[in-house]
Amino acid sequence: MKGAINRIELERHILAWLEEDMPFGDVTTDALLDETIVGSGALIAKESGVLCGIEIFEMIYECIDKNVKIDKKKSDGMNIESGDVIGEISGPIASILKGERLGLNIMQRLSGIASKSQIYAEAVKQYDTKIVDTRKTTPGLRSLEKYAVRIGGCTNHRYSLSDAVMIKDNHIAGAGSITEAVRRVKACIPHTAKIEVEVETFNELREVIHTGVDIILLDNMTTEQLRRAVRFVKEHAKKAISLEASGNMTLERLPEVAATGVDIISVGALTHSVNALDISLKFEKPVVK
């Protein structure tokens, strides 16, 4: 499901984030305000992009104070423009202030990832090629960052090291060869697990297509090398093998790489170098009960 979030995992994260941000309370807010002072404010987009994280923003306040109410005007996956009101928040001002920075931090980062993912997905929409993310994520935020990638229209690669076999250059060096690495893996994994192998040269490609792997990662190849590799695998592989291209996959390069016929393009930049989308919270005048 595109928008699925593990709410149990998320609530655990939120409690840890709140403990990090106010381990002994909020000394400023606790000194200035009490629960009798209520008010409201608006979440406002300061730039255009794809919204992601409004549901998480709401969950943060469910953990802080259930008297804080969020009236969502936009939902995850919607395109927003500068000046749009994303949602309205009301309740005890003290409670709102305690979650403001945490909620905005998460929503801004996830919206930045979703916005970038949409741009990358659009770049290859005329091809049968998927743009996928990588494990180059912020520690502790992987599930949410991968959620944002899906919201933006791209696809997830493996979630963790436990999800699938991915034999890379250092694994091959340790095993002695691609053939030996694949042999050892096949002796250990269940029959349901897929095997992916990274190659950088045509000699490695010639070796790997005879090992029975499911996916070949073509790493750091030029566009012409990728084109030759696709043609070579189609002509010589005895079974269907998915081809993934990776390395130096800039936005400008994506269409020409997709045109080579690769099935997948993996892009670490979807998560590891993203600018947060600017979203602010503006309060109206508070009211004393």
C-alpha atoms as a PDB file:
ATOM      1  CA  MET A   1       0.000   0.000   0.000  1.00  0.00           C
ATOM      2  CA  LYS A   2       1.477   3.314  -1.089  1.00  0.00           C
ATOM      3  CA  GLY A   3       0.662   5.272   2.044  1.00  0.00           C
ATOM      4  CA  ALA A   4       1.013   2.580   4.711  1.00  0.00           C
ATOM      5  CA  ILE A   5       2.777   3.587   7.933  1.00  0.00           C
ATOM      6  CA  ASN A   6       3.600   1.273  10.825  1.00  0.00           C
ATOM      7  CA  ARG A   7       1.786   3.248  13.531  1.00  0.00           C
ATOM      8  CA  ILE A   8       3.144   1.123  16.373  1.00  0.00           C
ATOM      9  CA  GLU A   9       6.728   1.783  15.275  1.00  0.00           C
ATOM     10  CA  LEU A  10       5.936   5.453  14.675  1.00  0.00           C
ATOM     11  CA  GLU A  11       4.462   6.005  18.125  1.00  0.00           C
ATOM     12  CA  ARG A  12       7.590   4.478  19.650  1.00  0.00           C
ATOM     13  CA  HIS A  13       9.732   6.885  17.605  1.00  0.00           C
ATOM     14  CA  ILE A  14       7.594   9.882  18.561  1.00  0.00           C
ATOM     15  CA  LEU A  15       7.953   9.163  22.278  1.00  0.00           C
ATOM     16  CA  ALA A  16      11.738   8.903  21.850  1.00  0.00           C
ATOM     17  CA  TRP A  17      11.846  12.159  19.886  1.00  0.00           C
ATOM     18  CA  LEU A  18       9.807  13.961  22.540  1.00  0.00           C
ATOM     19  CA  GLU A  19      12.098  12.633  25.265  1.00  0.00           C
ATOM     20  CA  GLU A  20      15.103  13.897  23.317  1.00  0.00           C
ATOM     21  CA  ASP A  21      13.563  17.341  22.793  1.00  0.00           C
ATOM     22  CA  MET A  22      12.216  17.899  26.319  1.00  0.00           C
ATOM     23  CA  PRO A  23      13.686  15.317  28.714  1.00  0.00           C
ATOM     24  CA  PHE A  24      12.616  17.371  31.757  1.00  0.00           C
ATOM     25  CA  GLY A  25       9.826  19.407  30.188  1.00  0.00           C
ATOM     26  CA  ASP A  26       9.898  22.684  28.290  1.00  0.00           C
ATOM     27  CA  VAL A  27      11.313  25.140  30.829  1.00  0.00           C
ATOM     28  CA  THR A  28      10.322  28.211  28.811  1.00  0.00           C
ATOM     29  CA  THR A  29       6.741  27.202  28.041  1.00  0.00           C
ATOM     30  CA  ASP A  30       6.137  25.682  31.483  1.00  0.00           C
ATOM     31  CA  ALA A  31       7.203  28.955  33.110  1.00  0.00           C
ATOM     32  CA  LEU A  32       5.035  31.143  30.882  1.00  0.00           C
ATOM     33  CA  LEU A  33       1.831  29.245  30.092  1.00  0.00           C
ATOM     34  CA  ASP A  34      -0.666  26.848  31.611  1.00  0.00           C
ATOM     35  CA  GLU A  35      -3.526  24.786  30.227  1.00  0.00           C
ATOM     36  CA  THR A  36      -6.019  27.616  30.654  1.00  0.00           C
ATOM     37  CA  ILE A  37      -4.505  29.517  27.756  1.00  0.00           C
ATOM     38  CA  VAL A  38      -5.832  28.204  24.473  1.00  0.00           C
ATOM     39  CA  GLY A  39      -5.465  29.365  20.928  1.00  0.00           C
ATOM     40  CA  SER A  40      -5.204  28.369  17.323  1.00  0.00           C
ATOM     41  CA  GLY A  41      -2.895  28.682  14.398  1.00  0.00           C
ATOM     42  CA  ALA A  42      -2.426  27.746  10.770  1.00  0.00           C
ATOM     43  CA  LEU A  43       0.120  25.518   9.084  1.00  0.00           C
ATOM     44  CA  ILE A  44       1.179  27.434   5.999  1.00  0.00           C
ATOM     45  CA  ALA A  45       3.257  26.306   3.023  1.00  0.00           C
ATOM     46  CA  LYS A  46       6.047  28.763   2.210  1.00  0.00           C
ATOM     47  CA  GLU A  47       6.968  27.072  -1.073  1.00  0.00           C
ATOM     48  CA  SER A  48       5.427  24.648  -3.560  1.00  0.00           C
ATOM     49  CA  GLY A  49       5.927  20.907  -3.430  1.00  0.00           C
ATOM     50  CA  VAL A  50       4.329  17.640  -2.331  1.00  0.00           C
ATOM     51  CA  LEU A  51       2.959  17.447   1.194  1.00  0.00           C
ATOM     52  CA  CYS A  52       4.070  14.518   3.326  1.00  0.00           C
ATOM     53  CA  GLY A  53       3.853  14.069   7.087  1.00  0.00           C
ATOM     54  CA  ILE A  54       0.615  15.794   8.087  1.00  0.00           C
ATOM     55  CA  GLU A  55      -0.663  12.517   9.567  1.00  0.00           C
ATOM     56  CA  ILE A  56       2.569  12.189  11.558  1.00  0.00           C
ATOM     57  CA  PHE A  57       2.240  15.806  12.711  1.00  0.00           C
ATOM     58  CA  GLU A  58      -1.198  14.895  14.052  1.00  0.00           C
ATOM     59  CA  MET A  59       0.126  11.765  15.786  1.00  0.00           C
ATOM     60  CA  ILE A  60       2.779  13.814  17.591  1.00  0.00           C
ATOM     61  CA  TYR A  61       0.033  15.846  19.244  1.00  0.00           C
ATOM     62  CA  GLU A  62      -1.935  12.729  20.085  1.00  0.00           C
ATOM     63  CA  CYS A  63       1.076  11.726  22.159  1.00  0.00           C
ATOM     64  CA  ILE A  64       1.503  15.177  23.753  1.00  0.00           C
ATOM     65  CA  ASP A  65      -2.064  16.264  24.494  1.00  0.00           C
ATOM     66  CA  LYS A  66      -5.301  14.873  23.071  1.00  0.00           C
ATOM     67  CA  ASN A  67      -6.910  18.276  23.641  1.00  0.00           C
ATOM     68  CA  VAL A  68      -4.905  19.617  20.704  1.00  0.00           C
ATOM     69  CA  LYS A  69      -6.960  19.276  17.542  1.00  0.00           C
ATOM     70  CA  ILE A  70      -5.708  19.295  13.943  1.00  0.00           C
ATOM     71  CA  ASP A  71      -8.104  20.239  11.157  1.00  0.00           C
ATOM     72  CA  LYS A  72      -6.298  18.996   8.062  1.00  0.00           C
ATOM     73  CA  LYS A  73      -6.944  20.995   4.893  1.00  0.00           C
ATOM     74  CA  LYS A  74      -4.477  18.990   2.787  1.00  0.00           C
ATOM     75  CA  SER A  75      -3.427  15.347   2.898  1.00  0.00           C
ATOM     76  CA  ASP A  76      -0.216  13.472   2.171  1.00  0.00           C
ATOM     77  CA  GLY A  77       0.532  13.256  -1.535  1.00  0.00           C
ATOM     78  CA  MET A  78      -1.241  16.467  -2.455  1.00  0.00           C
ATOM     79  CA  ASN A  79       0.585  19.180  -4.353  1.00  0.00           C
ATOM     80  CA  ILE A  80       0.758  22.424  -2.390  1.00  0.00           C
ATOM     81  CA  GLU A  81       1.633  25.978  -3.354  1.00  0.00           C
ATOM     82  CA  SER A  82       3.227  28.796  -1.404  1.00  0.00           C
ATOM     83  CA  GLY A  83       0.574  30.385   0.798  1.00  0.00           C
ATOM     84  CA  ASP A  84      -1.636  27.295   1.018  1.00  0.00           C
ATOM     85  CA  VAL A  85      -3.110  26.533   4.431  1.00  0.00           C
ATOM     86  CA  ILE A  86      -2.212  22.906   5.077  1.00  0.00           C
ATOM     87  CA  GLY A  87      -4.133  22.629   8.309  1.00  0.00           C
ATOM     88  CA  GLU A  88      -5.371  24.454  11.383  1.00  0.00           C
ATOM     89  CA  ILE A  89      -4.362  23.613  14.934  1.00  0.00           C
ATOM     90  CA  SER A  90      -6.174  24.530  18.140  1.00  0.00           C
ATOM     91  CA  GLY A  91      -5.976  23.758  21.838  1.00  0.00           C
ATOM     92  CA  PRO A  92      -3.768  24.588  24.817  1.00  0.00           C
ATOM     93  CA  ILE A  93      -0.980  26.855  23.564  1.00  0.00           C
ATOM     94  CA  ALA A  94       1.575  25.229  25.889  1.00  0.00           C
ATOM     95  CA  SER A  95       0.957  21.797  24.386  1.00  0.00           C
ATOM     96  CA  ILE A  96       1.056  23.148  20.836  1.00  0.00           C
ATOM     97  CA  LEU A  97       4.414  24.822  21.476  1.00  0.00           C
ATOM     98  CA  LYS A  98       5.911  21.621  22.870  1.00  0.00           C
ATOM     99  CA  GLY A  99       5.326  19.758  19.612  1.00  0.00           C
ATOM    100  CA  GLU A 100       5.741  22.612  17.134  1.00  0.00           C
ATOM    101  CA  ARG A 101       9.413  22.192  16.226  1.00  0.00           C
ATOM    102  CA  LEU A 102       9.346  18.393  16.204  1.00  0.00           C
ATOM    103  CA  GLY A 103       6.226  18.283  14.049  1.00  0.00           C
ATOM    104  CA  LEU A 104       7.521  20.835  11.586  1.00  0.00           C
ATOM    105  CA  ASN A 105      10.945  19.173  11.365  1.00  0.00           C
ATOM    106  CA  ILE A 106       9.406  15.836  10.394  1.00  0.00           C
ATOM    107  CA  MET A 107       6.832  17.269   7.992  1.00  0.00           C
ATOM    108  CA  GLN A 108       9.333  19.584   6.300  1.00  0.00           C
ATOM    109  CA  ARG A 109      11.872  16.813   5.724  1.00  0.00           C
ATOM    110  CA  LEU A 110       9.352  14.261   4.484  1.00  0.00           C
ATOM    111  CA  SER A 111       7.732  16.836   2.212  1.00  0.00           C
ATOM    112  CA  GLY A 112      11.158  17.638   0.790  1.00  0.00           C
ATOM    113  CA  ILE A 113      11.738  13.965  -0.002  1.00  0.00           C
ATOM    114  CA  ALA A 114       8.262  13.535  -1.498  1.00  0.00           C
ATOM    115  CA  SER A 115       8.716  16.652  -3.629  1.00  0.00           C
ATOM    116  CA  LYS A 116      12.057  15.472  -4.969  1.00  0.00           C
ATOM    117  CA  SER A 117      10.687  11.983  -5.596  1.00  0.00           C
ATOM    118  CA  GLN A 118       7.851  13.416  -7.661  1.00  0.00           C
ATOM    119  CA  ILE A 119      10.305  15.329  -9.853  1.00  0.00           C
ATOM    120  CA  TYR A 120      12.425  12.201 -10.402  1.00  0.00           C
ATOM    121  CA  ALA A 121       9.381  10.040 -11.145  1.00  0.00           C
ATOM    122  CA  GLU A 122       8.129  12.580 -13.684  1.00  0.00           C
ATOM    123  CA  ALA A 123      11.486  12.525 -15.473  1.00  0.00           C
ATOM    124  CA  VAL A 124      10.988   8.877 -16.582  1.00  0.00           C
ATOM    125  CA  LYS A 125       7.209   8.648 -16.818  1.00  0.00           C
ATOM    126  CA  GLN A 126       7.322   7.791 -20.534  1.00  0.00           C
ATOM    127  CA  TYR A 127       9.480   4.715 -19.853  1.00  0.00           C
ATOM    128  CA  ASP A 128       8.825   1.377 -18.142  1.00  0.00           C
ATOM    129  CA  THR A 129      11.513   2.170 -15.605  1.00  0.00           C
ATOM    130  CA  LYS A 130      11.098   2.499 -11.847  1.00  0.00           C
ATOM    131  CA  ILE A 131      13.027   5.034  -9.770  1.00  0.00           C
ATOM    132  CA  VAL A 132      13.870   3.494  -6.403  1.00  0.00           C
ATOM    133  CA  ASP A 133      15.532   4.757  -3.256  1.00  0.00           C
ATOM    134  CA  THR A 134      18.468   3.228  -1.359  1.00  0.00           C
ATOM    135  CA  ARG A 135      19.501   2.569   2.235  1.00  0.00           C
ATOM    136  CA  LYS A 136      21.185   5.994   2.334  1.00  0.00           C
ATOM    137  CA  THR A 137      18.663   7.239   4.853  1.00  0.00           C
ATOM    138  CA  THR A 138      18.795   9.075   8.174  1.00  0.00           C
ATOM    139  CA  PRO A 139      19.325   6.532  10.987  1.00  0.00           C
ATOM    140  CA  GLY A 140      16.045   6.058  12.821  1.00  0.00           C
ATOM    141  CA  LEU A 141      13.987   7.686  10.060  1.00  0.00           C
ATOM    142  CA  ARG A 142      14.237   5.039   7.344  1.00  0.00           C
ATOM    143  CA  SER A 143      10.635   3.875   7.409  1.00  0.00           C
ATOM    144  CA  LEU A 144       9.340   7.447   7.244  1.00  0.00           C
ATOM    145  CA  GLU A 145      11.774   8.547   4.550  1.00  0.00           C
ATOM    146  CA  LYS A 146      10.871   5.536   2.434  1.00  0.00           C
ATOM    147  CA  TYR A 147       7.200   6.353   3.031  1.00  0.00           C
ATOM    148  CA  ALA A 148       7.877   9.859   1.679  1.00  0.00           C
ATOM    149  CA  VAL A 149       9.547   8.359  -1.411  1.00  0.00           C
ATOM    150  CA  ARG A 150       6.374   6.361  -2.124  1.00  0.00           C
ATOM    151  CA  ILE A 151       4.170   9.390  -1.533  1.00  0.00           C
ATOM    152  CA  GLY A 152       6.216  11.250  -4.152  1.00  0.00           C
ATOM    153  CA  GLY A 153       5.665   8.527  -6.748  1.00  0.00           C
ATOM    154  CA  CYS A 154       8.918   6.555  -6.628  1.00  0.00           C
ATOM    155  CA  THR A 155       9.475   3.046  -5.269  1.00  0.00           C
ATOM    156  CA  ASN A 156      11.405   1.519  -2.395  1.00  0.00           C
ATOM    157  CA  HIS A 157      14.470  -0.679  -2.723  1.00  0.00           C
ATOM    158  CA  ARG A 158      15.086  -3.161   0.097  1.00  0.00           C
ATOM    159  CA  TYR A 159      14.239  -1.800   3.520  1.00  0.00           C
ATOM    160  CA  SER A 160      17.062  -3.479   5.420  1.00  0.00           C
ATOM    161  CA  LEU A 161      19.969  -5.895   5.090  1.00  0.00           C
ATOM    162  CA  SER A 162      17.558  -8.680   6.071  1.00  0.00           C
ATOM    163  CA  ASP A 163      15.167  -8.140   3.163  1.00  0.00           C
ATOM    164  CA  ALA A 164      17.094  -9.494   0.203  1.00  0.00           C
ATOM    165  CA  VAL A 165      20.512 -10.692  -0.892  1.00  0.00           C
ATOM    166  CA  MET A 166      22.602  -7.955  -2.473  1.00  0.00           C
ATOM    167  CA  ILE A 167      26.141  -9.057  -3.301  1.00  0.00           C
ATOM    168  CA  LYS A 168      28.403  -6.043  -3.790  1.00  0.00           C
ATOM    169  CA  ASP A 169      32.056  -5.554  -4.670  1.00  0.00           C
ATOM    170  CA  ASN A 170      33.411  -6.126  -1.171  1.00  0.00           C
ATOM    171  CA  HIS A 171      31.336  -9.280  -0.763  1.00  0.00           C
ATOM    172  CA  ILE A 172      32.787 -10.565  -4.027  1.00  0.00           C
ATOM    173  CA  ALA A 173      36.296  -9.703  -2.895  1.00  0.00           C
ATOM    174  CA  GLY A 174      35.733 -11.627   0.327  1.00  0.00           C
ATOM    175  CA  ALA A 175      34.275 -14.684  -1.405  1.00  0.00           C
ATOM    176  CA  GLY A 176      36.866 -14.725  -4.204  1.00  0.00           C
ATOM    177  CA  SER A 177      34.509 -14.460  -7.176  1.00  0.00           C
ATOM    178  CA  ILE A 178      30.934 -13.741  -8.168  1.00  0.00           C
ATOM    179  CA  THR A 179      30.271 -17.412  -8.844  1.00  0.00           C
ATOM    180  CA  GLU A 180      31.528 -18.462  -5.423  1.00  0.00           C
ATOM    181  CA  ALA A 181      29.615 -15.688  -3.668  1.00  0.00           C
ATOM    182  CA  VAL A 182      26.354 -16.719  -5.322  1.00  0.00           C
ATOM    183  CA  ARG A 183      27.014 -20.395  -4.572  1.00  0.00           C
ATOM    184  CA  ARG A 184      27.519 -19.694  -0.874  1.00  0.00           C
ATOM    185  CA  VAL A 185      24.428 -17.528  -0.651  1.00  0.00           C
ATOM    186  CA  LYS A 186      22.209 -20.093  -2.383  1.00  0.00           C
ATOM    187  CA  ALA A 187      23.299 -22.689   0.123  1.00  0.00           C
ATOM    188  CA  CYS A 188      21.976 -20.561   3.005  1.00  0.00           C
ATOM    189  CA  ILE A 189      18.933 -18.573   1.975  1.00  0.00           C
ATOM    190  CA  PRO A 190      15.305 -19.704   1.597  1.00  0.00           C
ATOM    191  CA  HIS A 191      14.039 -20.328  -1.918  1.00  0.00           C
ATOM    192  CA  THR A 192      11.750 -17.279  -1.628  1.00  0.00           C
ATOM    193  CA  ALA A 193      14.637 -14.803  -1.359  1.00  0.00           C
ATOM    194  CA  LYS A 194      15.868 -12.922  -4.415  1.00  0.00           C
ATOM    195  CA  ILE A 195      19.545 -12.482  -5.216  1.00  0.00           C
ATOM    196  CA  GLU A 196      21.004  -9.286  -6.644  1.00  0.00           C
ATOM    197  CA  VAL A 197      24.626  -8.894  -7.688  1.00  0.00           C
ATOM    198  CA  GLU A 198      26.503  -5.682  -8.401  1.00  0.00           C
ATOM    199  CA  VAL A 199      28.842  -5.599 -11.416  1.00  0.00           C
ATOM    200  CA  GLU A 200      31.096  -2.854 -12.726  1.00  0.00           C
ATOM    201  CA  THR A 201      32.665  -4.471 -15.804  1.00  0.00           C
ATOM    202  CA  PHE A 202      31.586  -6.596 -18.753  1.00  0.00           C
ATOM    203  CA  ASN A 203      33.773  -9.465 -17.544  1.00  0.00           C
ATOM    204  CA  GLU A 204      31.737  -9.502 -14.331  1.00  0.00           C
ATOM    205  CA  LEU A 205      28.527  -9.274 -16.347  1.00  0.00           C
ATOM    206  CA  ARG A 206      29.534 -12.259 -18.468  1.00  0.00           C
ATOM    207  CA  GLU A 207      30.156 -14.246 -15.308  1.00  0.00           C
ATOM    208  CA  VAL A 208      27.038 -13.294 -13.376  1.00  0.00           C
ATOM    209  CA  ILE A 209      24.414 -14.108 -16.029  1.00  0.00           C
ATOM    210  CA  HIS A 210      25.238 -17.811 -15.718  1.00  0.00           C
ATOM    211  CA  THR A 211      24.813 -17.949 -11.915  1.00  0.00           C
ATOM    212  CA  GLY A 212      21.009 -17.862 -11.774  1.00  0.00           C
ATOM    213  CA  VAL A 213      20.622 -14.508 -10.030  1.00  0.00           C
ATOM    214  CA  ASP A 214      17.402 -12.508 -10.197  1.00  0.00           C
ATOM    215  CA  ILE A 215      18.715  -8.933 -10.463  1.00  0.00           C
ATOM    216  CA  ILE A 216      21.943  -7.440 -11.777  1.00  0.00           C
ATOM    217  CA  LEU A 217      23.036  -4.034 -10.539  1.00  0.00           C
ATOM    218  CA  LEU A 218      24.991  -2.186 -13.233  1.00  0.00           C
ATOM    219  CA  ASP A 219      27.106   0.180 -11.175  1.00  0.00           C
ATOM    220  CA  ASN A 220      28.755   3.389 -12.369  1.00  0.00           C
ATOM    221  CA  MET A 221      28.439   2.590 -16.057  1.00  0.00           C
ATOM    222  CA  THR A 222      28.182   5.142 -18.841  1.00  0.00           C
ATOM    223  CA  THR A 223      24.932   5.374 -20.756  1.00  0.00           C
ATOM    224  CA  GLU A 224      26.476   3.556 -23.716  1.00  0.00           C
ATOM    225  CA  GLN A 225      27.784   0.792 -21.432  1.00  0.00           C
ATOM    226  CA  LEU A 226      24.304   0.432 -19.940  1.00  0.00           C
ATOM    227  CA  ARG A 227      22.797   0.142 -23.412  1.00  0.00           C
ATOM    228  CA  ARG A 228      25.292  -2.599 -24.344  1.00  0.00           C
ATOM    229  CA  ALA A 229      24.685  -4.389 -21.040  1.00  0.00           C
ATOM    230  CA  VAL A 230      20.920  -4.469 -21.574  1.00  0.00           C
ATOM    231  CA  ARG A 231      21.379  -5.872 -25.068  1.00  0.00           C
ATOM    232  CA  PHE A 232      23.923  -8.439 -23.847  1.00  0.00           C
ATOM    233  CA  VAL A 233      21.693  -9.760 -21.063  1.00  0.00           C
ATOM    234  CA  LYS A 234      18.682 -10.041 -23.366  1.00  0.00           C
ATOM    235  CA  GLU A 235      20.730 -12.058 -25.844  1.00  0.00           C
ATOM    236  CA  HIS A 236      22.601 -14.350 -23.455  1.00  0.00           C
ATOM    237  CA  ALA A 237      20.674 -14.816 -20.201  1.00  0.00           C
ATOM    238  CA  LYS A 238      18.823 -18.120 -19.847  1.00  0.00           C
ATOM    239  CA  LYS A 239      16.202 -16.665 -17.504  1.00  0.00           C
ATOM    240  CA  ALA A 240      14.531 -13.308 -17.009  1.00  0.00           C
ATOM    241  CA  ILE A 241      16.840 -10.986 -15.092  1.00  0.00           C
ATOM    242  CA  SER A 242      15.927  -7.508 -13.901  1.00  0.00           C
ATOM    243  CA  LEU A 243      18.535  -4.838 -14.549  1.00  0.00           C
ATOM    244  CA  GLU A 244      19.187  -1.992 -12.141  1.00  0.00           C
ATOM    245  CA  ALA A 245      21.368   1.012 -12.919  1.00  0.00           C
ATOM    246  CA  SER A 246      23.076   2.940 -10.143  1.00  0.00           C
ATOM    247  CA  GLY A 247      25.798   5.531  -9.642  1.00  0.00           C
ATOM    248  CA  ASN A 248      25.866   9.173 -10.726  1.00  0.00           C
ATOM    249  CA  MET A 249      22.138   9.159 -11.460  1.00  0.00           C
ATOM    250  CA  THR A 250      21.449  12.874 -11.703  1.00  0.00           C
ATOM    251  CA  LEU A 251      18.017  14.196 -12.579  1.00  0.00           C
ATOM    252  CA  GLU A 252      19.258  15.383 -15.958  1.00  0.00           C
ATOM    253  CA  ARG A 253      20.624  11.944 -16.798  1.00  0.00           C
ATOM    254  CA  LEU A 254      17.570   9.893 -15.840  1.00  0.00           C
ATOM    255  CA  PRO A 255      15.709   9.978 -19.189  1.00  0.00           C
ATOM    256  CA  GLU A 256      18.689   8.773 -21.218  1.00  0.00           C
ATOM    257  CA  VAL A 257      19.393   6.005 -18.692  1.00  0.00           C
ATOM    258  CA  ALA A 258      15.751   4.905 -18.723  1.00  0.00           C
ATOM    259  CA  ALA A 259      15.887   4.847 -22.536  1.00  0.00           C
ATOM    260  CA  THR A 260      18.599   2.149 -22.406  1.00  0.00           C
ATOM    261  CA  GLY A 261      15.969  -0.350 -21.272  1.00  0.00           C
ATOM    262  CA  VAL A 262      17.023  -0.881 -17.646  1.00  0.00           C
ATOM    263  CA  ASP A 263      14.162  -1.859 -15.368  1.00  0.00           C
ATOM    264  CA  ILE A 264      15.225   0.072 -12.293  1.00  0.00           C
ATOM    265  CA  ILE A 265      17.290   3.160 -11.507  1.00  0.00           C
ATOM    266  CA  SER A 266      18.361   3.535  -7.883  1.00  0.00           C
ATOM    267  CA  VAL A 267      18.969   7.053  -6.608  1.00  0.00           C
ATOM    268  CA  GLY A 268      20.500   7.713  -3.196  1.00  0.00           C
ATOM    269  CA  ALA A 269      19.857  11.447  -3.563  1.00  0.00           C
ATOM    270  CA  LEU A 270      16.131  10.897  -2.986  1.00  0.00           C
ATOM    271  CA  THR A 271      16.890  10.677   0.725  1.00  0.00           C
ATOM    272  CA  HIS A 272      20.517  11.550   1.464  1.00  0.00           C
ATOM    273  CA  SER A 273      20.651  15.101   0.079  1.00  0.00           C
ATOM    274  CA  VAL A 274      17.234  16.699   0.264  1.00  0.00           C
ATOM    275  CA  ASN A 275      16.224  20.246   1.163  1.00  0.00           C
ATOM    276  CA  ALA A 276      13.360  20.496   3.624  1.00  0.00           C
ATOM    277  CA  LEU A 277      10.177  22.048   2.249  1.00  0.00           C
ATOM    278  CA  ASP A 278       9.478  25.326   4.041  1.00  0.00           C
ATOM    279  CA  ILE A 279       6.324  25.076   6.189  1.00  0.00           C
ATOM    280  CA  SER A 280       5.514  27.370   9.108  1.00  0.00           C
ATOM    281  CA  LEU A 281       3.031  27.557  11.976  1.00  0.00           C
ATOM    282  CA  LYS A 282       1.447  30.970  12.545  1.00  0.00           C
ATOM    283  CA  PHE A 283      -0.537  31.575  15.753  1.00  0.00           C
ATOM    284  CA  GLU A 284      -3.571  33.733  16.252  1.00  0.00           C
ATOM    285  CA  LYS A 285      -4.010  35.644  19.513  1.00  0.00           C
ATOM    286  CA  PRO A 286      -4.421  33.227  22.453  1.00  0.00           C
ATOM    287  CA  VAL A 287      -7.475  33.173  24.668  1.00  0.00           C
ATOM    288  CA  VAL A 288      -7.697  32.544  28.433  1.00  0.00           C
ATOM    289  CA  LYS A 289     -10.486  30.126  29.371  1.00  0.00           C
END
